[in-house]
Amino acid sequence: MKNSTISGGVVHALPDDLRQTLQADPAMLAQWEDITPLARNEWICWIEDAKKADTRRGRITRAQENLTAGKRRPCCWPGCPHRERTGKA
């Protein structure tokens, strides 16, 4: 799959490390493409909010586990503070 064919969020672009994980895991990618742009945005924002590289890698792993288990949004995340509540940038 080409990099440009994986969907991003409504505010956040898809980061390279998450893109690579999605490309390597067909089940995760299928779920990723099935969730809404707002849900994808929440996952990206949650991952990018990590302050340390280890935390970020752990969040990508958790995203992989949760998405392949059918979860549509990150657990216990209050939501992306970078978008308006209308869902627009």
C-alpha atoms as a PDB file:
ATOM      1  CA  MET A   1       0.000   0.000   0.000  1.00  0.00           C
ATOM      2  CA  LYS A   2       1.326   3.445  -0.850  1.00  0.00           C
ATOM      3  CA  ASN A   3       1.948   5.924   1.962  1.00  0.00           C
ATOM      4  CA  SER A   4      -0.532   8.401   0.514  1.00  0.00           C
ATOM      5  CA  THR A   5      -3.401   5.900   0.640  1.00  0.00           C
ATOM      6  CA  ILE A   6      -3.539   5.607   4.436  1.00  0.00           C
ATOM      7  CA  SER A   7      -6.044   8.027   5.925  1.00  0.00           C
ATOM      8  CA  GLY A   8      -5.086  10.613   8.534  1.00  0.00           C
ATOM      9  CA  GLY A   9      -7.117  12.638  10.994  1.00  0.00           C
ATOM     10  CA  VAL A  10      -9.071  15.862  10.666  1.00  0.00           C
ATOM     11  CA  VAL A  11      -6.367  18.040  12.243  1.00  0.00           C
ATOM     12  CA  HIS A  12      -3.313  15.819  12.558  1.00  0.00           C
ATOM     13  CA  ALA A  13      -1.371  14.301   9.686  1.00  0.00           C
ATOM     14  CA  LEU A  14      -0.388  10.659   9.978  1.00  0.00           C
ATOM     15  CA  PRO A  15       3.090  10.452  11.571  1.00  0.00           C
ATOM     16  CA  ASP A  16       5.691   8.219   9.925  1.00  0.00           C
ATOM     17  CA  ASP A  17       6.126   5.845  12.882  1.00  0.00           C
ATOM     18  CA  LEU A  18       2.392   5.163  13.072  1.00  0.00           C
ATOM     19  CA  ARG A  19       2.200   4.841   9.269  1.00  0.00           C
ATOM     20  CA  GLN A  20       4.932   2.184   9.331  1.00  0.00           C
ATOM     21  CA  THR A  21       3.095   0.207  12.012  1.00  0.00           C
ATOM     22  CA  LEU A  22      -0.147   0.398  10.042  1.00  0.00           C
ATOM     23  CA  GLN A  23       1.590  -0.758   6.866  1.00  0.00           C
ATOM     24  CA  ALA A  24       3.095  -3.740   8.694  1.00  0.00           C
ATOM     25  CA  ASP A  25      -0.200  -4.914  10.248  1.00  0.00           C
ATOM     26  CA  PRO A  26      -3.098  -5.575   7.830  1.00  0.00           C
ATOM     27  CA  ALA A  27      -5.632  -6.116  10.649  1.00  0.00           C
ATOM     28  CA  MET A  28      -4.708  -2.828  12.297  1.00  0.00           C
ATOM     29  CA  LEU A  29      -4.833  -1.030   8.956  1.00  0.00           C
ATOM     30  CA  ALA A  30      -8.275  -2.452   8.140  1.00  0.00           C
ATOM     31  CA  GLN A  31      -9.661  -1.205  11.462  1.00  0.00           C
ATOM     32  CA  TRP A  32      -7.880   2.151  11.005  1.00  0.00           C
ATOM     33  CA  GLU A  33      -9.599   2.687   7.671  1.00  0.00           C
ATOM     34  CA  ASP A  34     -12.952   1.627   9.156  1.00  0.00           C
ATOM     35  CA  ILE A  35     -12.982   4.241  11.944  1.00  0.00           C
ATOM     36  CA  THR A  36     -14.046   7.844  11.401  1.00  0.00           C
ATOM     37  CA  PRO A  37     -11.601  10.669  10.605  1.00  0.00           C
ATOM     38  CA  LEU A  38     -12.334  12.086  14.083  1.00  0.00           C
ATOM     39  CA  ALA A  39     -11.450   8.762  15.713  1.00  0.00           C
ATOM     40  CA  ARG A  40      -8.224   8.553  13.682  1.00  0.00           C
ATOM     41  CA  ASN A  41      -7.451  12.090  14.808  1.00  0.00           C
ATOM     42  CA  GLU A  42      -7.867  11.056  18.455  1.00  0.00           C
ATOM     43  CA  TRP A  43      -5.404   8.179  18.045  1.00  0.00           C
ATOM     44  CA  ILE A  44      -2.833  10.406  16.334  1.00  0.00           C
ATOM     45  CA  CYS A  45      -3.182  13.199  18.914  1.00  0.00           C
ATOM     46  CA  TRP A  46      -2.900  10.705  21.790  1.00  0.00           C
ATOM     47  CA  ILE A  47       0.288   9.241  20.311  1.00  0.00           C
ATOM     48  CA  GLU A  48       1.792  12.651  19.549  1.00  0.00           C
ATOM     49  CA  ASP A  49       1.006  13.896  23.063  1.00  0.00           C
ATOM     50  CA  ALA A  50       3.629  11.533  24.529  1.00  0.00           C
ATOM     51  CA  LYS A  51       6.578  13.461  25.951  1.00  0.00           C
ATOM     52  CA  LYS A  52       9.143  10.633  25.831  1.00  0.00           C
ATOM     53  CA  ALA A  53      10.142   8.372  22.933  1.00  0.00           C
ATOM     54  CA  ASP A  54       9.502   5.264  25.063  1.00  0.00           C
ATOM     55  CA  THR A  55       6.007   6.476  25.906  1.00  0.00           C
ATOM     56  CA  ARG A  56       5.303   7.197  22.251  1.00  0.00           C
ATOM     57  CA  ARG A  57       6.449   3.710  21.190  1.00  0.00           C
ATOM     58  CA  GLY A  58       4.297   2.226  23.947  1.00  0.00           C
ATOM     59  CA  ARG A  59       1.278   4.164  22.749  1.00  0.00           C
ATOM     60  CA  ILE A  60       1.785   2.960  19.193  1.00  0.00           C
ATOM     61  CA  THR A  61       1.928  -0.608  20.519  1.00  0.00           C
ATOM     62  CA  ARG A  62      -1.246  -0.025  22.567  1.00  0.00           C
ATOM     63  CA  ALA A  63      -2.953   1.497  19.526  1.00  0.00           C
ATOM     64  CA  GLN A  64      -2.018  -1.586  17.527  1.00  0.00           C
ATOM     65  CA  GLU A  65      -3.363  -3.923  20.219  1.00  0.00           C
ATOM     66  CA  ASN A  66      -6.550  -1.914  20.782  1.00  0.00           C
ATOM     67  CA  LEU A  67      -7.358  -1.338  17.123  1.00  0.00           C
ATOM     68  CA  THR A  68      -6.866  -4.985  16.219  1.00  0.00           C
ATOM     69  CA  ALA A  69      -9.140  -5.847  19.170  1.00  0.00           C
ATOM     70  CA  GLY A  70     -11.848  -3.644  17.620  1.00  0.00           C
ATOM     71  CA  LYS A  71     -11.548  -0.548  19.802  1.00  0.00           C
ATOM     72  CA  ARG A  72     -12.304   2.637  17.944  1.00  0.00           C
ATOM     73  CA  ARG A  73     -10.816   5.316  20.227  1.00  0.00           C
ATOM     74  CA  PRO A  74      -8.032   5.573  22.792  1.00  0.00           C
ATOM     75  CA  CYS A  75      -9.223   4.738  26.291  1.00  0.00           C
ATOM     76  CA  CYS A  76      -9.291   7.496  28.879  1.00  0.00           C
ATOM     77  CA  TRP A  77      -8.336  10.258  26.401  1.00  0.00           C
ATOM     78  CA  PRO A  78     -10.324  13.488  26.865  1.00  0.00           C
ATOM     79  CA  GLY A  79     -10.073  14.248  23.181  1.00  0.00           C
ATOM     80  CA  CYS A  80      -7.905  16.258  20.848  1.00  0.00           C
ATOM     81  CA  PRO A  81      -7.477  19.809  22.168  1.00  0.00           C
ATOM     82  CA  HIS A  82      -6.310  20.953  18.719  1.00  0.00           C
ATOM     83  CA  ARG A  83      -9.687  20.835  16.977  1.00  0.00           C
ATOM     84  CA  GLU A  84     -12.882  22.751  17.430  1.00  0.00           C
ATOM     85  CA  ARG A  85     -15.724  20.854  19.033  1.00  0.00           C
ATOM     86  CA  THR A  86     -17.485  20.977  15.655  1.00  0.00           C
ATOM     87  CA  GLY A  87     -14.988  18.392  14.406  1.00  0.00           C
ATOM     88  CA  LYS A  88     -13.260  20.853  12.102  1.00  0.00           C
ATOM     89  CA  ALA A  89      -9.727  22.125  12.194  1.00  0.00           C
END
